[in-house]
């Protein structure tokens, strides 16, 4: 089983269907936001005792997989 399947769930009844760490209400978005402002893994783990390093890695893997499947369509710049 991969990290995403093991640790990430999407359930319309939990956090309005946002991807979360299974068994929590901690969203992938929250983890990515914390990482993007420079919080370390350890800081995130200290703030959220239910999380483990594998959960943070799963959030990163989910983001990567999502972006790999995204199609970007460039649009012309309007003058």
N, C-alpha and C. Protein backbone atom coordinates (compact mmCIF):
# COMPACT_ATOMS: atom_id res chain seq x y z
N UNK A 1 0.85 -1.19 0.00
CA UNK A 1 0.00 0.00 0.00
C UNK A 1 0.88 1.24 0.00
N UNK A 2 0.49 2.25 -0.76
CA UNK A 2 1.30 3.46 -0.79
C UNK A 2 0.85 4.43 0.30
N UNK A 3 1.64 5.47 0.51
CA UNK A 3 1.36 6.44 1.57
C UNK A 3 -0.01 7.09 1.43
N UNK A 4 -0.39 7.42 0.21
CA UNK A 4 -1.66 8.10 0.00
C UNK A 4 -2.82 7.18 0.40
N UNK A 5 -2.82 5.97 -0.11
CA UNK A 5 -3.89 5.02 0.21
C UNK A 5 -3.93 4.70 1.70
N UNK A 6 -2.78 4.64 2.31
CA UNK A 6 -2.71 4.26 3.72
C UNK A 6 -3.14 5.37 4.67
N UNK A 7 -2.83 6.64 4.33
CA UNK A 7 -3.01 7.71 5.30
C UNK A 7 -3.96 8.83 4.92
N UNK A 8 -4.37 8.93 3.65
CA UNK A 8 -5.21 10.04 3.22
C UNK A 8 -6.61 9.53 2.89
N UNK A 9 -7.61 10.29 3.32
CA UNK A 9 -8.98 9.94 2.95
C UNK A 9 -9.74 11.18 2.52
N UNK A 10 -10.72 10.97 1.65
CA UNK A 10 -11.61 12.03 1.22
C UNK A 10 -13.02 11.53 1.50
N UNK A 11 -13.69 12.23 2.42
CA UNK A 11 -15.02 11.83 2.85
C UNK A 11 -15.87 13.09 2.91
N UNK A 12 -16.96 13.14 2.15
CA UNK A 12 -17.78 14.35 2.14
C UNK A 12 -18.30 14.75 3.52
N UNK A 13 -18.30 13.83 4.46
CA UNK A 13 -18.79 14.13 5.81
C UNK A 13 -17.70 14.67 6.73
N UNK A 14 -16.46 14.69 6.25
CA UNK A 14 -15.34 15.17 7.06
C UNK A 14 -14.71 16.37 6.35
N UNK A 15 -14.69 17.50 7.02
CA UNK A 15 -14.07 18.72 6.50
C UNK A 15 -14.53 19.05 5.08
N UNK A 16 -15.82 18.88 4.84
CA UNK A 16 -16.44 19.20 3.55
C UNK A 16 -15.78 18.48 2.37
N UNK A 17 -15.25 17.30 2.62
CA UNK A 17 -14.68 16.51 1.55
C UNK A 17 -13.24 16.82 1.19
N UNK A 18 -12.61 17.70 1.97
CA UNK A 18 -11.19 17.98 1.71
C UNK A 18 -10.37 16.75 2.10
N UNK A 19 -9.26 16.51 1.43
CA UNK A 19 -8.40 15.39 1.82
C UNK A 19 -7.84 15.62 3.22
N UNK A 20 -7.97 14.60 4.07
CA UNK A 20 -7.49 14.67 5.45
C UNK A 20 -6.65 13.45 5.78
N UNK A 21 -5.92 13.55 6.88
CA UNK A 21 -5.23 12.39 7.41
C UNK A 21 -6.29 11.49 8.01
N UNK A 22 -6.31 10.22 7.63
CA UNK A 22 -7.33 9.29 8.11
C UNK A 22 -7.47 9.34 9.62
N UNK A 23 -8.72 9.36 10.06
CA UNK A 23 -9.01 9.34 11.48
C UNK A 23 -8.85 10.69 12.17
N UNK A 24 -8.57 11.75 11.40
CA UNK A 24 -8.41 13.08 11.97
C UNK A 24 -9.22 14.07 11.15
N UNK A 25 -9.21 15.30 11.59
CA UNK A 25 -9.78 16.40 10.81
C UNK A 25 -8.65 17.32 10.34
N UNK A 26 -7.44 16.79 10.29
CA UNK A 26 -6.27 17.56 9.86
C UNK A 26 -6.16 17.41 8.35
N UNK A 27 -6.30 18.54 7.66
CA UNK A 27 -6.32 18.50 6.19
C UNK A 27 -4.90 18.49 5.61
N UNK A 28 -4.83 17.92 4.42
CA UNK A 28 -3.59 17.98 3.64
C UNK A 28 -3.23 19.45 3.42
N UNK A 29 -4.23 20.26 3.13
CA UNK A 29 -4.02 21.68 2.91
C UNK A 29 -3.32 22.34 4.10
N UNK A 30 -3.76 22.04 5.31
CA UNK A 30 -3.15 22.62 6.50
C UNK A 30 -1.67 22.24 6.62
N UNK A 31 -1.38 20.97 6.37
CA UNK A 31 0.01 20.51 6.46
C UNK A 31 0.86 21.21 5.42
N UNK A 32 0.37 21.31 4.19
CA UNK A 32 1.14 21.97 3.14
C UNK A 32 1.33 23.45 3.43
N UNK A 33 0.30 24.07 3.97
CA UNK A 33 0.40 25.49 4.33
C UNK A 33 1.48 25.70 5.38
N UNK A 34 1.50 24.85 6.38
CA UNK A 34 2.51 24.97 7.44
C UNK A 34 3.92 24.78 6.88
N UNK A 35 4.08 23.80 6.00
CA UNK A 35 5.39 23.58 5.38
C UNK A 35 5.79 24.78 4.51
N UNK A 36 4.82 25.37 3.82
CA UNK A 36 5.13 26.47 2.90
C UNK A 36 5.59 27.74 3.61
N UNK A 37 5.22 27.88 4.87
CA UNK A 37 5.67 29.06 5.63
C UNK A 37 6.91 28.75 6.46
N UNK A 38 7.50 27.58 6.22
CA UNK A 38 8.77 27.27 6.84
C UNK A 38 8.73 26.44 8.11
N UNK A 39 7.55 25.98 8.52
CA UNK A 39 7.50 25.13 9.71
C UNK A 39 8.19 23.81 9.39
N UNK A 40 8.91 23.31 10.34
CA UNK A 40 9.61 22.04 10.16
C UNK A 40 8.65 20.88 10.45
N UNK A 41 9.05 19.69 10.03
CA UNK A 41 8.27 18.51 10.36
C UNK A 41 8.06 18.45 11.87
N UNK A 42 9.14 18.67 12.60
CA UNK A 42 9.06 18.54 14.06
C UNK A 42 8.10 19.55 14.67
N UNK A 43 8.09 20.77 14.16
CA UNK A 43 7.16 21.78 14.66
C UNK A 43 5.71 21.36 14.41
N UNK A 44 5.45 20.83 13.24
CA UNK A 44 4.10 20.37 12.92
C UNK A 44 3.72 19.20 13.82
N UNK A 45 4.63 18.28 14.01
CA UNK A 45 4.36 17.13 14.87
C UNK A 45 4.12 17.56 16.31
N UNK A 46 4.86 18.55 16.77
CA UNK A 46 4.68 19.05 18.14
C UNK A 46 3.31 19.72 18.30
N UNK A 47 2.86 20.45 17.28
CA UNK A 47 1.57 21.14 17.33
C UNK A 47 0.39 20.18 17.21
N UNK A 48 0.62 19.05 16.56
CA UNK A 48 -0.46 18.08 16.31
C UNK A 48 0.02 16.69 16.74
N UNK A 49 -0.12 16.38 18.02
CA UNK A 49 0.43 15.12 18.56
C UNK A 49 -0.09 13.85 17.90
N UNK A 50 -1.24 13.91 17.24
CA UNK A 50 -1.77 12.71 16.58
C UNK A 50 -1.06 12.40 15.27
N UNK A 51 -0.32 13.38 14.75
CA UNK A 51 0.39 13.18 13.48
C UNK A 51 1.71 12.46 13.68
N UNK A 52 2.09 11.75 12.63
CA UNK A 52 3.42 11.13 12.56
C UNK A 52 4.09 11.62 11.28
N UNK A 53 5.36 11.39 11.18
CA UNK A 53 6.12 11.83 10.00
C UNK A 53 5.51 11.24 8.72
N UNK A 54 5.05 10.01 8.79
CA UNK A 54 4.45 9.37 7.62
C UNK A 54 3.25 10.15 7.11
N UNK A 55 2.50 10.77 8.01
CA UNK A 55 1.34 11.56 7.61
C UNK A 55 1.76 12.78 6.80
N UNK A 56 2.82 13.43 7.22
CA UNK A 56 3.32 14.60 6.49
C UNK A 56 3.82 14.17 5.11
N UNK A 57 4.53 13.07 5.06
CA UNK A 57 5.01 12.55 3.78
C UNK A 57 3.84 12.18 2.87
N UNK A 58 2.78 11.64 3.45
CA UNK A 58 1.59 11.28 2.67
C UNK A 58 0.94 12.54 2.10
N UNK A 59 0.91 13.62 2.88
CA UNK A 59 0.35 14.88 2.39
C UNK A 59 1.16 15.40 1.21
N UNK A 60 2.47 15.31 1.30
CA UNK A 60 3.33 15.74 0.19
C UNK A 60 3.13 14.84 -1.03
N UNK A 61 3.00 13.54 -0.80
CA UNK A 61 2.78 12.61 -1.91
C UNK A 61 1.43 12.89 -2.58
N UNK A 62 0.42 13.20 -1.78
CA UNK A 62 -0.90 13.52 -2.34
C UNK A 62 -0.82 14.76 -3.21
N UNK A 63 -0.15 15.79 -2.73
CA UNK A 63 -0.01 17.03 -3.50
C UNK A 63 0.74 16.77 -4.80
N UNK A 64 1.78 15.98 -4.73
CA UNK A 64 2.56 15.65 -5.93
C UNK A 64 1.69 14.90 -6.94
N UNK A 65 0.97 13.89 -6.47
CA UNK A 65 0.13 13.10 -7.36
C UNK A 65 -0.97 13.97 -7.98
N UNK A 66 -1.52 14.87 -7.21
CA UNK A 66 -2.57 15.75 -7.71
C UNK A 66 -2.03 16.65 -8.80
N UNK A 67 -0.85 17.23 -8.59
CA UNK A 67 -0.26 18.12 -9.59
C UNK A 67 0.15 17.37 -10.85
N UNK A 68 0.57 16.13 -10.71
CA UNK A 68 0.94 15.34 -11.89
C UNK A 68 -0.26 15.13 -12.81
N UNK A 69 -1.45 15.08 -12.23
CA UNK A 69 -2.66 14.83 -13.01
C UNK A 69 -3.33 16.11 -13.47
N UNK A 70 -2.80 17.24 -13.08
CA UNK A 70 -3.41 18.52 -13.43
C UNK A 70 -2.96 18.95 -14.81
N UNK A 71 -3.91 19.46 -15.58
CA UNK A 71 -3.61 19.97 -16.92
C UNK A 71 -3.68 21.50 -16.86
N UNK A 72 -2.60 22.14 -17.22
CA UNK A 72 -2.56 23.60 -17.24
C UNK A 72 -2.73 24.07 -18.68
N UNK A 73 -3.64 24.99 -18.87
CA UNK A 73 -3.90 25.53 -20.20
C UNK A 73 -3.52 27.00 -20.18
N UNK A 74 -2.44 27.36 -20.89
CA UNK A 74 -2.04 28.76 -20.91
C UNK A 74 -3.08 29.61 -21.65
N UNK A 75 -3.30 30.80 -21.13
CA UNK A 75 -4.22 31.71 -21.81
C UNK A 75 -3.46 32.95 -22.25
N UNK A 76 -3.96 33.56 -23.28
CA UNK A 76 -3.31 34.75 -23.82
C UNK A 76 -3.47 35.90 -22.84
N UNK A 77 -2.45 36.71 -22.76
CA UNK A 77 -2.49 37.90 -21.93
C UNK A 77 -3.32 38.97 -22.63
N UNK A 78 -4.22 39.56 -21.89
CA UNK A 78 -5.04 40.63 -22.45
C UNK A 78 -4.35 41.96 -22.21
N UNK A 79 -4.17 42.72 -23.27
CA UNK A 79 -3.46 44.00 -23.16
C UNK A 79 -4.33 45.11 -22.66
